Amino acid sequence: SMAAAEPATRKRRPKGHFAAAAGRAKRPRGGAGRQLEAGMRGILITCNMNERKCVGEAYSLLGEYGDLLYGPEQFSDHEERLSGSEKEEDEDDVEAALKKEVGQIRASTEQKLRRFQSVESGANNVVFIRTRGIEPENLVHHILKDMHTTKKKKTRVILRMLPISGTCKAFMEDMKKYAETFFEPWFKAPNKGTFQIVYKARNNSHMSREEVIKELAGIVGSLNPENKVDLNNPQYTIVVEIIKSVCCLSVVRDYVLFRKYNLQEVVKSNKEDVKPNPSSLTDEQNSKAVKPETEEEEKSSKEVKQENK
């Protein structure tokens, strides 16, 4: 059969190759539910190297503002309630014993369902904090607004903090279907706004940046033709962050004012905290719905590409 003949024609790799690759790969800690996957919401945080310290800073910052905005976290005491449950009439009642066991397992997992839980992001220098029962967009906007106002530096290793209020599989069809409903609260008539789309993909080579931006901008336009692109000072910035096979989405306000949601930059005192003057952009540029990277960023991403080779 063809299948049997196939492996022989493949290029042979040196024997230790796979073992080495397996060693290099970051092994997700703690199995299911501990890595970023479609269906989660949370906060995507970039840092420079020190991820462990970044997670620590994130917990402390989010904990502080989480308590302020939503009150202290309630941990229900399941264990206690369980041990106090009435003794079953019949100790041999297997079903009851099973029920009890399931209850205990459920209780112990529920205790782990914290408001903030770090999960494996699937990319270096990216930390993902899964959130439960809160609105990541409101929380992160609140933090940035506070830091922008007070100019108090609160973190050392956290660079950017992006709310992720929706995730889906990173394939065009999934993303289109998902975005149609996801964008409604901001862009479906009678709602409308000016917008830009910022896009970043990590450890994913099958998505085309141009195609994604074109399709998503098209969806926004179809929800209300009055939604217009503005690359200088949009009311809304659609954040698209792709890691491996997960697409993370958000619609954020004050992206320009809050320095692309960069915690290091937002506390610097800037003369241009006044809204920037819109420079005249051609319609052609406008229709692309995305800012070209600045030369600096372009350069550094080229250097990184070189290193990666």
C-alpha atoms as a PDB file:
ATOM      1  CA  SER A   1       0.000   0.000   0.000  1.00  0.00           C
ATOM      2  CA  MET A   2       1.044   3.605  -0.494  1.00  0.00           C
ATOM      3  CA  ALA A   3       0.926   4.374   3.195  1.00  0.00           C
ATOM      4  CA  ALA A   4       3.459   1.704   4.052  1.00  0.00           C
ATOM      5  CA  ALA A   5       5.908   2.958   1.450  1.00  0.00           C
ATOM      6  CA  GLU A   6       5.638   6.582   2.489  1.00  0.00           C
ATOM      7  CA  PRO A   7       7.876   6.947   5.565  1.00  0.00           C
ATOM      8  CA  ALA A   8      10.928   5.635   3.737  1.00  0.00           C
ATOM      9  CA  THR A   9      10.865   8.594   1.357  1.00  0.00           C
ATOM     10  CA  ARG A  10      10.815  11.128   4.213  1.00  0.00           C
ATOM     11  CA  LYS A  11      14.043  12.872   5.134  1.00  0.00           C
ATOM     12  CA  ARG A  12      15.658  11.082   8.040  1.00  0.00           C
ATOM     13  CA  ARG A  13      16.277  13.298  11.032  1.00  0.00           C
ATOM     14  CA  PRO A  14      19.166  12.724  13.434  1.00  0.00           C
ATOM     15  CA  LYS A  15      18.120  10.402  16.211  1.00  0.00           C
ATOM     16  CA  GLY A  16      18.140  12.856  19.112  1.00  0.00           C
ATOM     17  CA  HIS A  17      16.135  15.470  17.213  1.00  0.00           C
ATOM     18  CA  PHE A  18      12.659  14.693  18.542  1.00  0.00           C
ATOM     19  CA  ALA A  19      13.745  14.213  22.126  1.00  0.00           C
ATOM     20  CA  ALA A  20      15.486  17.576  22.042  1.00  0.00           C
ATOM     21  CA  ALA A  21      12.459  19.241  20.506  1.00  0.00           C
ATOM     22  CA  ALA A  22      10.198  17.703  23.121  1.00  0.00           C
ATOM     23  CA  GLY A  23      12.470  19.009  25.845  1.00  0.00           C
ATOM     24  CA  ARG A  24      12.386  22.508  24.377  1.00  0.00           C
ATOM     25  CA  ALA A  25       8.630  22.615  24.072  1.00  0.00           C
ATOM     26  CA  LYS A  26       6.986  24.266  27.052  1.00  0.00           C
ATOM     27  CA  ARG A  27       5.029  21.581  28.751  1.00  0.00           C
ATOM     28  CA  PRO A  28       1.690  22.897  29.945  1.00  0.00           C
ATOM     29  CA  ARG A  29       1.399  22.530  33.697  1.00  0.00           C
ATOM     30  CA  GLY A  30      -1.622  20.844  35.142  1.00  0.00           C
ATOM     31  CA  GLY A  31      -3.398  19.527  32.047  1.00  0.00           C
ATOM     32  CA  ALA A  32      -6.899  20.491  30.926  1.00  0.00           C
ATOM     33  CA  GLY A  33      -8.274  23.889  31.783  1.00  0.00           C
ATOM     34  CA  ARG A  34      -4.771  25.153  32.418  1.00  0.00           C
ATOM     35  CA  GLN A  35      -4.034  26.305  28.902  1.00  0.00           C
ATOM     36  CA  LEU A  36      -5.585  28.980  26.756  1.00  0.00           C
ATOM     37  CA  GLU A  37      -8.441  27.593  24.696  1.00  0.00           C
ATOM     38  CA  ALA A  38     -11.472  28.799  22.759  1.00  0.00           C
ATOM     39  CA  GLY A  39     -14.315  29.756  25.102  1.00  0.00           C
ATOM     40  CA  MET A  40     -12.164  31.417  27.748  1.00  0.00           C
ATOM     41  CA  ARG A  41     -12.205  35.085  28.647  1.00  0.00           C
ATOM     42  CA  GLY A  42      -9.449  36.880  30.436  1.00  0.00           C
ATOM     43  CA  ILE A  43      -6.527  39.222  30.229  1.00  0.00           C
ATOM     44  CA  LEU A  44      -3.560  38.859  27.922  1.00  0.00           C
ATOM     45  CA  ILE A  45      -0.387  40.325  29.371  1.00  0.00           C
ATOM     46  CA  THR A  46       2.935  40.813  27.645  1.00  0.00           C
ATOM     47  CA  CYS A  47       6.213  40.965  29.507  1.00  0.00           C
ATOM     48  CA  ASN A  48       9.889  40.888  28.766  1.00  0.00           C
ATOM     49  CA  MET A  49      11.354  37.592  29.879  1.00  0.00           C
ATOM     50  CA  ASN A  50      10.447  36.968  33.540  1.00  0.00           C
ATOM     51  CA  GLU A  51       7.015  35.324  33.112  1.00  0.00           C
ATOM     52  CA  ARG A  52       6.799  34.056  36.693  1.00  0.00           C
ATOM     53  CA  LYS A  53       7.297  37.545  38.063  1.00  0.00           C
ATOM     54  CA  CYS A  54       4.771  38.819  35.541  1.00  0.00           C
ATOM     55  CA  VAL A  55       2.142  36.372  36.825  1.00  0.00           C
ATOM     56  CA  GLY A  56       2.856  37.543  40.379  1.00  0.00           C
ATOM     57  CA  GLU A  57       2.446  41.202  39.410  1.00  0.00           C
ATOM     58  CA  ALA A  58      -0.735  40.392  37.516  1.00  0.00           C
ATOM     59  CA  TYR A  59      -2.312  38.594  40.482  1.00  0.00           C
ATOM     60  CA  SER A  60      -1.477  41.449  42.803  1.00  0.00           C
ATOM     61  CA  LEU A  61      -2.648  44.229  40.456  1.00  0.00           C
ATOM     62  CA  LEU A  62      -5.836  42.434  39.381  1.00  0.00           C
ATOM     63  CA  GLY A  63      -6.533  41.394  42.961  1.00  0.00           C
ATOM     64  CA  GLU A  64      -6.263  44.982  44.164  1.00  0.00           C
ATOM     65  CA  TYR A  65      -8.584  46.423  41.526  1.00  0.00           C
ATOM     66  CA  GLY A  66     -10.850  43.369  41.468  1.00  0.00           C
ATOM     67  CA  ASP A  67     -11.569  43.830  45.170  1.00  0.00           C
ATOM     68  CA  LEU A  68     -12.175  47.540  44.628  1.00  0.00           C
ATOM     69  CA  LEU A  69     -14.604  47.047  41.765  1.00  0.00           C
ATOM     70  CA  TYR A  70     -16.339  43.792  42.647  1.00  0.00           C
ATOM     71  CA  GLY A  71     -15.755  43.401  46.366  1.00  0.00           C
ATOM     72  CA  PRO A  72     -13.532  40.774  47.991  1.00  0.00           C
ATOM     73  CA  GLU A  73     -13.631  37.344  46.421  1.00  0.00           C
ATOM     74  CA  GLN A  74     -16.074  34.899  48.030  1.00  0.00           C
ATOM     75  CA  PHE A  75     -14.877  31.353  48.496  1.00  0.00           C
ATOM     76  CA  SER A  76     -17.827  29.170  49.362  1.00  0.00           C
ATOM     77  CA  ASP A  77     -17.130  26.511  51.918  1.00  0.00           C
ATOM     78  CA  HIS A  78     -18.193  23.400  50.015  1.00  0.00           C
ATOM     79  CA  GLU A  79     -16.117  20.984  52.037  1.00  0.00           C
ATOM     80  CA  GLU A  80     -17.908  21.873  55.244  1.00  0.00           C
ATOM     81  CA  ARG A  81     -21.343  21.506  53.739  1.00  0.00           C
ATOM     82  CA  LEU A  82     -20.442  18.103  52.369  1.00  0.00           C
ATOM     83  CA  SER A  83     -19.103  16.540  55.535  1.00  0.00           C
ATOM     84  CA  GLY A  84     -22.240  17.696  57.318  1.00  0.00           C
ATOM     85  CA  SER A  85     -24.530  15.921  54.857  1.00  0.00           C
ATOM     86  CA  GLU A  86     -26.899  13.452  56.501  1.00  0.00           C
ATOM     87  CA  LYS A  87     -25.622   9.902  56.697  1.00  0.00           C
ATOM     88  CA  GLU A  88     -27.189   7.790  53.985  1.00  0.00           C
ATOM     89  CA  GLU A  89     -29.922   5.481  55.239  1.00  0.00           C
ATOM     90  CA  ASP A  90     -28.194   2.502  53.712  1.00  0.00           C
ATOM     91  CA  GLU A  91     -24.396   2.511  53.782  1.00  0.00           C
ATOM     92  CA  ASP A  92     -24.335  -0.068  50.969  1.00  0.00           C
ATOM     93  CA  ASP A  93     -26.268   2.230  48.740  1.00  0.00           C
ATOM     94  CA  VAL A  94     -23.621   2.435  45.995  1.00  0.00           C
ATOM     95  CA  GLU A  95     -25.469   5.155  44.153  1.00  0.00           C
ATOM     96  CA  ALA A  96     -25.481   7.446  47.167  1.00  0.00           C
ATOM     97  CA  ALA A  97     -21.789   6.847  47.773  1.00  0.00           C
ATOM     98  CA  LEU A  98     -21.075   7.677  44.152  1.00  0.00           C
ATOM     99  CA  LYS A  99     -23.181  10.825  44.360  1.00  0.00           C
ATOM    100  CA  LYS A 100     -21.230  11.918  47.398  1.00  0.00           C
ATOM    101  CA  GLU A 101     -17.918  11.292  45.678  1.00  0.00           C
ATOM    102  CA  VAL A 102     -18.962  13.253  42.611  1.00  0.00           C
ATOM    103  CA  GLY A 103     -20.071  16.059  44.924  1.00  0.00           C
ATOM    104  CA  GLN A 104     -16.678  16.132  46.575  1.00  0.00           C
ATOM    105  CA  ILE A 105     -14.815  16.193  43.281  1.00  0.00           C
ATOM    106  CA  ARG A 106     -17.061  18.971  42.037  1.00  0.00           C
ATOM    107  CA  ALA A 107     -16.525  20.954  45.228  1.00  0.00           C
ATOM    108  CA  SER A 108     -12.772  20.674  45.047  1.00  0.00           C
ATOM    109  CA  THR A 109     -12.753  21.874  41.433  1.00  0.00           C
ATOM    110  CA  GLU A 110     -15.143  24.708  42.237  1.00  0.00           C
ATOM    111  CA  GLN A 111     -12.749  25.925  44.874  1.00  0.00           C
ATOM    112  CA  LYS A 112     -10.152  26.239  42.156  1.00  0.00           C
ATOM    113  CA  LEU A 113     -12.419  28.411  40.020  1.00  0.00           C
ATOM    114  CA  ARG A 114     -10.878  31.616  41.202  1.00  0.00           C
ATOM    115  CA  ARG A 115     -11.710  35.038  39.824  1.00  0.00           C
ATOM    116  CA  PHE A 116      -8.216  35.155  38.283  1.00  0.00           C
ATOM    117  CA  GLN A 117      -6.334  32.065  37.165  1.00  0.00           C
ATOM    118  CA  SER A 118      -3.110  32.003  35.185  1.00  0.00           C
ATOM    119  CA  VAL A 119      -3.158  29.511  32.305  1.00  0.00           C
ATOM    120  CA  GLU A 120      -0.463  28.490  29.815  1.00  0.00           C
ATOM    121  CA  SER A 121      -0.723  31.021  26.944  1.00  0.00           C
ATOM    122  CA  GLY A 122       1.117  29.057  24.278  1.00  0.00           C
ATOM    123  CA  ALA A 123       3.617  31.850  23.556  1.00  0.00           C
ATOM    124  CA  ASN A 124       6.762  33.167  25.160  1.00  0.00           C
ATOM    125  CA  ASN A 125       6.566  36.467  27.036  1.00  0.00           C
ATOM    126  CA  VAL A 126       2.790  36.240  27.079  1.00  0.00           C
ATOM    127  CA  VAL A 127       0.847  35.514  30.239  1.00  0.00           C
ATOM    128  CA  PHE A 128      -2.870  34.753  30.088  1.00  0.00           C
ATOM    129  CA  ILE A 129      -5.019  35.240  33.169  1.00  0.00           C
ATOM    130  CA  ARG A 130      -8.397  33.581  32.798  1.00  0.00           C
ATOM    131  CA  THR A 131     -11.186  35.552  34.454  1.00  0.00           C
ATOM    132  CA  ARG A 132     -14.515  34.383  35.865  1.00  0.00           C
ATOM    133  CA  GLY A 133     -17.631  36.366  36.616  1.00  0.00           C
ATOM    134  CA  ILE A 134     -16.175  39.741  35.696  1.00  0.00           C
ATOM    135  CA  GLU A 135     -15.909  41.951  32.610  1.00  0.00           C
ATOM    136  CA  PRO A 136     -12.267  42.029  31.550  1.00  0.00           C
ATOM    137  CA  GLU A 137     -12.807  45.159  29.415  1.00  0.00           C
ATOM    138  CA  ASN A 138     -14.213  47.236  32.270  1.00  0.00           C
ATOM    139  CA  LEU A 139     -11.609  46.050  34.740  1.00  0.00           C
ATOM    140  CA  VAL A 140      -8.604  46.716  32.495  1.00  0.00           C
ATOM    141  CA  HIS A 141      -9.985  50.077  31.342  1.00  0.00           C
ATOM    142  CA  HIS A 142     -10.435  51.051  34.975  1.00  0.00           C
ATOM    143  CA  ILE A 143      -6.842  50.086  35.843  1.00  0.00           C
ATOM    144  CA  LEU A 144      -5.403  52.034  32.893  1.00  0.00           C
ATOM    145  CA  LYS A 145      -7.569  55.049  33.577  1.00  0.00           C
ATOM    146  CA  ASP A 146      -6.383  55.105  37.174  1.00  0.00           C
ATOM    147  CA  MET A 147      -2.720  54.751  36.230  1.00  0.00           C
ATOM    148  CA  HIS A 148      -3.088  57.349  33.487  1.00  0.00           C
ATOM    149  CA  THR A 149      -4.572  59.803  35.986  1.00  0.00           C
ATOM    150  CA  THR A 150      -2.313  59.186  38.978  1.00  0.00           C
ATOM    151  CA  LYS A 151       0.883  58.460  36.971  1.00  0.00           C
ATOM    152  CA  LYS A 152       1.780  55.950  39.701  1.00  0.00           C
ATOM    153  CA  LYS A 153       3.941  53.143  38.364  1.00  0.00           C
ATOM    154  CA  LYS A 154       2.542  49.896  39.726  1.00  0.00           C
ATOM    155  CA  THR A 155       4.391  47.205  37.811  1.00  0.00           C
ATOM    156  CA  ARG A 156       7.936  46.474  36.707  1.00  0.00           C
ATOM    157  CA  VAL A 157       7.735  43.575  34.290  1.00  0.00           C
ATOM    158  CA  ILE A 158       4.216  43.865  32.874  1.00  0.00           C
ATOM    159  CA  LEU A 159       4.256  45.734  29.576  1.00  0.00           C
ATOM    160  CA  ARG A 160       0.790  45.607  27.998  1.00  0.00           C
ATOM    161  CA  MET A 161      -2.438  44.399  29.509  1.00  0.00           C
ATOM    162  CA  LEU A 162      -5.168  43.589  26.990  1.00  0.00           C
ATOM    163  CA  PRO A 163      -8.647  42.471  28.013  1.00  0.00           C
ATOM    164  CA  ILE A 164      -9.865  39.443  26.052  1.00  0.00           C
ATOM    165  CA  SER A 165     -13.617  39.232  26.238  1.00  0.00           C
ATOM    166  CA  GLY A 166     -14.049  36.515  23.661  1.00  0.00           C
ATOM    167  CA  THR A 167     -12.085  33.640  22.164  1.00  0.00           C
ATOM    168  CA  CYS A 168     -12.729  31.290  19.273  1.00  0.00           C
ATOM    169  CA  LYS A 169     -10.755  28.969  17.019  1.00  0.00           C
ATOM    170  CA  ALA A 170      -8.277  30.772  14.786  1.00  0.00           C
ATOM    171  CA  PHE A 171      -9.753  29.780  11.438  1.00  0.00           C
ATOM    172  CA  MET A 172     -11.398  32.286   9.133  1.00  0.00           C
ATOM    173  CA  GLU A 173     -14.825  30.631   9.152  1.00  0.00           C
ATOM    174  CA  ASP A 174     -14.925  30.344  12.960  1.00  0.00           C
ATOM    175  CA  MET A 175     -13.777  33.935  13.346  1.00  0.00           C
ATOM    176  CA  LYS A 176     -16.340  35.366  10.937  1.00  0.00           C
ATOM    177  CA  LYS A 177     -19.180  33.475  12.547  1.00  0.00           C
ATOM    178  CA  TYR A 178     -18.030  34.468  16.031  1.00  0.00           C
ATOM    179  CA  ALA A 179     -17.385  38.137  15.224  1.00  0.00           C
ATOM    180  CA  GLU A 180     -20.857  38.665  13.775  1.00  0.00           C
ATOM    181  CA  THR A 181     -22.416  38.299  17.215  1.00  0.00           C
ATOM    182  CA  PHE A 182     -19.410  39.420  19.241  1.00  0.00           C
ATOM    183  CA  PHE A 183     -19.275  42.893  17.625  1.00  0.00           C
ATOM    184  CA  GLU A 184     -22.988  43.608  18.029  1.00  0.00           C
ATOM    185  CA  PRO A 185     -22.929  45.513  21.364  1.00  0.00           C
ATOM    186  CA  TRP A 186     -20.653  48.194  19.893  1.00  0.00           C
ATOM    187  CA  PHE A 187     -21.390  48.250  16.214  1.00  0.00           C
ATOM    188  CA  LYS A 188     -24.876  46.918  15.470  1.00  0.00           C
ATOM    189  CA  ALA A 189     -27.297  49.682  14.494  1.00  0.00           C
ATOM    190  CA  PRO A 190     -28.392  51.853  16.255  1.00  0.00           C
ATOM    191  CA  ASN A 191     -24.947  51.529  17.910  1.00  0.00           C
ATOM    192  CA  LYS A 192     -22.053  52.814  15.889  1.00  0.00           C
ATOM    193  CA  GLY A 193     -18.542  54.158  16.231  1.00  0.00           C
ATOM    194  CA  THR A 194     -15.248  54.899  14.576  1.00  0.00           C
ATOM    195  CA  PHE A 195     -12.811  52.010  14.768  1.00  0.00           C
ATOM    196  CA  GLN A 196      -9.445  50.560  13.918  1.00  0.00           C
ATOM    197  CA  ILE A 197      -8.257  46.964  13.977  1.00  0.00           C
ATOM    198  CA  VAL A 198      -4.943  45.947  15.531  1.00  0.00           C
ATOM    199  CA  TYR A 199      -3.691  42.473  14.738  1.00  0.00           C
ATOM    200  CA  LYS A 200      -0.970  40.270  16.133  1.00  0.00           C
ATOM    201  CA  ALA A 201      -0.316  36.576  15.562  1.00  0.00           C
ATOM    202  CA  ARG A 202       2.088  34.402  17.539  1.00  0.00           C
ATOM    203  CA  ASN A 203       3.079  30.815  16.781  1.00  0.00           C
ATOM    204  CA  ASN A 204       0.592  30.761  13.949  1.00  0.00           C
ATOM    205  CA  SER A 205       1.461  30.958  10.287  1.00  0.00           C
ATOM    206  CA  HIS A 206      -1.777  29.941   8.598  1.00  0.00           C
ATOM    207  CA  MET A 207      -3.748  33.164   9.108  1.00  0.00           C
ATOM    208  CA  SER A 208      -3.330  36.093   6.728  1.00  0.00           C
ATOM    209  CA  ARG A 209      -3.262  39.444   8.500  1.00  0.00           C
ATOM    210  CA  GLU A 210      -4.719  41.242   5.478  1.00  0.00           C
ATOM    211  CA  GLU A 211      -7.549  38.765   5.075  1.00  0.00           C
ATOM    212  CA  VAL A 212      -8.498  38.825   8.752  1.00  0.00           C
ATOM    213  CA  ILE A 213      -8.565  42.630   8.841  1.00  0.00           C
ATOM    214  CA  LYS A 214     -10.555  42.852   5.627  1.00  0.00           C
ATOM    215  CA  GLU A 215     -13.163  40.305   6.765  1.00  0.00           C
ATOM    216  CA  LEU A 216     -13.582  41.769  10.254  1.00  0.00           C
ATOM    217  CA  ALA A 217     -13.829  45.343   8.956  1.00  0.00           C
ATOM    218  CA  GLY A 218     -16.441  44.056   6.502  1.00  0.00           C
ATOM    219  CA  ILE A 219     -18.494  42.556   9.329  1.00  0.00           C
ATOM    220  CA  VAL A 220     -18.351  45.820  11.303  1.00  0.00           C
ATOM    221  CA  GLY A 221     -19.506  47.688   8.195  1.00  0.00           C
ATOM    222  CA  SER A 222     -22.371  45.286   7.611  1.00  0.00           C
ATOM    223  CA  LEU A 223     -23.656  45.707  11.208  1.00  0.00           C
ATOM    224  CA  ASN A 224     -24.075  49.423  10.554  1.00  0.00           C
ATOM    225  CA  PRO A 225     -22.806  51.265   7.456  1.00  0.00           C
ATOM    226  CA  GLU A 226     -22.181  54.310   9.665  1.00  0.00           C
ATOM    227  CA  ASN A 227     -19.269  52.568  11.407  1.00  0.00           C
ATOM    228  CA  LYS A 228     -16.218  54.278   9.952  1.00  0.00           C
ATOM    229  CA  VAL A 229     -12.503  53.542  10.093  1.00  0.00           C
ATOM    230  CA  ASP A 230     -10.347  56.058  11.970  1.00  0.00           C
ATOM    231  CA  LEU A 231      -6.666  55.273  12.469  1.00  0.00           C
ATOM    232  CA  ASN A 232      -5.806  58.389  14.489  1.00  0.00           C
ATOM    233  CA  ASN A 233      -8.230  58.516  17.314  1.00  0.00           C
ATOM    234  CA  PRO A 234     -10.886  55.839  16.968  1.00  0.00           C
ATOM    235  CA  GLN A 235     -13.605  55.460  19.594  1.00  0.00           C
ATOM    236  CA  TYR A 236     -13.041  51.717  19.503  1.00  0.00           C
ATOM    237  CA  THR A 237     -10.022  49.575  18.813  1.00  0.00           C
ATOM    238  CA  ILE A 238     -10.707  46.001  17.831  1.00  0.00           C
ATOM    239  CA  VAL A 239      -7.888  43.929  19.286  1.00  0.00           C
ATOM    240  CA  VAL A 240      -7.158  40.651  17.488  1.00  0.00           C
ATOM    241  CA  GLU A 241      -4.522  38.496  19.188  1.00  0.00           C
ATOM    242  CA  ILE A 242      -3.911  35.061  17.737  1.00  0.00           C
ATOM    243  CA  ILE A 243      -1.863  32.463  19.592  1.00  0.00           C
ATOM    244  CA  LYS A 244      -1.462  29.079  17.957  1.00  0.00           C
ATOM    245  CA  SER A 245      -5.008  27.994  17.124  1.00  0.00           C
ATOM    246  CA  VAL A 246      -6.870  30.402  19.422  1.00  0.00           C
ATOM    247  CA  CYS A 247      -8.134  33.805  18.357  1.00  0.00           C
ATOM    248  CA  CYS A 248      -8.568  36.322  21.195  1.00  0.00           C
ATOM    249  CA  LEU A 249     -10.854  39.304  20.612  1.00  0.00           C
ATOM    250  CA  SER A 250     -11.704  42.527  22.333  1.00  0.00           C
ATOM    251  CA  VAL A 251     -13.151  45.941  21.626  1.00  0.00           C
ATOM    252  CA  VAL A 252     -11.445  48.604  23.738  1.00  0.00           C
ATOM    253  CA  ARG A 253     -11.785  52.334  24.272  1.00  0.00           C
ATOM    254  CA  ASP A 254      -9.010  54.919  24.673  1.00  0.00           C
ATOM    255  CA  TYR A 255      -6.412  52.716  23.017  1.00  0.00           C
ATOM    256  CA  VAL A 256      -4.472  55.718  21.739  1.00  0.00           C
ATOM    257  CA  LEU A 257      -4.818  57.753  24.927  1.00  0.00           C
ATOM    258  CA  PHE A 258      -3.729  54.819  27.085  1.00  0.00           C
ATOM    259  CA  ARG A 259      -0.640  54.153  24.939  1.00  0.00           C
ATOM    260  CA  LYS A 260      -1.846  50.884  23.408  1.00  0.00           C
ATOM    261  CA  TYR A 261      -2.725  49.689  26.917  1.00  0.00           C
ATOM    262  CA  ASN A 262       0.931  49.745  27.927  1.00  0.00           C
ATOM    263  CA  LEU A 263       1.312  50.045  31.714  1.00  0.00           C
ATOM    264  CA  GLN A 264       4.864  51.370  31.450  1.00  0.00           C
ATOM    265  CA  GLU A 265       3.988  54.099  28.937  1.00  0.00           C
ATOM    266  CA  VAL A 266       0.689  55.219  30.436  1.00  0.00           C
ATOM    267  CA  VAL A 267       2.319  56.481  33.655  1.00  0.00           C
ATOM    268  CA  LYS A 268       4.823  58.690  31.839  1.00  0.00           C
ATOM    269  CA  SER A 269       3.723  62.312  31.745  1.00  0.00           C
ATOM    270  CA  ASN A 270       3.138  63.204  28.130  1.00  0.00           C
ATOM    271  CA  LYS A 271       2.460  66.568  26.601  1.00  0.00           C
ATOM    272  CA  GLU A 272       0.325  64.932  23.948  1.00  0.00           C
ATOM    273  CA  ASP A 273      -2.296  63.628  26.349  1.00  0.00           C
ATOM    274  CA  VAL A 274      -4.498  66.033  24.456  1.00  0.00           C
ATOM    275  CA  LYS A 275      -6.170  64.195  21.604  1.00  0.00           C
ATOM    276  CA  PRO A 276      -3.838  63.986  18.616  1.00  0.00           C
ATOM    277  CA  ASN A 277      -4.742  66.016  15.538  1.00  0.00           C
ATOM    278  CA  PRO A 278      -6.127  63.785  12.832  1.00  0.00           C
ATOM    279  CA  SER A 279      -3.681  63.803   9.940  1.00  0.00           C
ATOM    280  CA  SER A 280      -5.199  63.475   6.510  1.00  0.00           C
ATOM    281  CA  LEU A 281      -5.215  59.878   5.355  1.00  0.00           C
ATOM    282  CA  THR A 282      -6.152  58.791   1.871  1.00  0.00           C
ATOM    283  CA  ASP A 283      -9.271  56.677   1.538  1.00  0.00           C
ATOM    284  CA  GLU A 284      -7.100  53.857   0.289  1.00  0.00           C
ATOM    285  CA  GLN A 285      -5.175  53.785   3.576  1.00  0.00           C
ATOM    286  CA  ASN A 286      -8.398  54.185   5.470  1.00  0.00           C
ATOM    287  CA  SER A 287     -10.017  51.180   3.873  1.00  0.00           C
ATOM    288  CA  LYS A 288      -7.243  48.956   5.220  1.00  0.00           C
ATOM    289  CA  ALA A 289      -8.465  49.657   8.749  1.00  0.00           C
ATOM    290  CA  VAL A 290      -5.074  49.151  10.274  1.00  0.00           C
ATOM    291  CA  LYS A 291      -2.144  51.320  11.209  1.00  0.00           C
ATOM    292  CA  PRO A 292       1.118  50.488   9.501  1.00  0.00           C
ATOM    293  CA  GLU A 293       3.708  49.665  12.145  1.00  0.00           C
ATOM    294  CA  THR A 294       6.072  52.511  12.926  1.00  0.00           C
ATOM    295  CA  GLU A 295       9.568  52.212  11.525  1.00  0.00           C
ATOM    296  CA  GLU A 296      10.890  51.392  15.000  1.00  0.00           C
ATOM    297  CA  GLU A 297       8.491  48.486  15.430  1.00  0.00           C
ATOM    298  CA  GLU A 298       9.100  47.385  11.862  1.00  0.00           C
ATOM    299  CA  LYS A 299      12.845  47.343  12.502  1.00  0.00           C
ATOM    300  CA  SER A 300      12.648  45.451  15.773  1.00  0.00           C
ATOM    301  CA  SER A 301      10.299  42.859  14.341  1.00  0.00           C
ATOM    302  CA  LYS A 302      12.728  42.359  11.434  1.00  0.00           C
ATOM    303  CA  GLU A 303      15.591  41.877  13.885  1.00  0.00           C
ATOM    304  CA  VAL A 304      13.561  39.353  15.819  1.00  0.00           C
ATOM    305  CA  LYS A 305      12.769  37.522  12.580  1.00  0.00           C
ATOM    306  CA  GLN A 306      16.478  37.421  11.802  1.00  0.00           C
ATOM    307  CA  GLU A 307      17.254  35.979  15.227  1.00  0.00           C
ATOM    308  CA  ASN A 308      14.545  33.394  14.869  1.00  0.00           C
ATOM    309  CA  LYS A 309      16.077  32.168  11.652  1.00  0.00           C
END
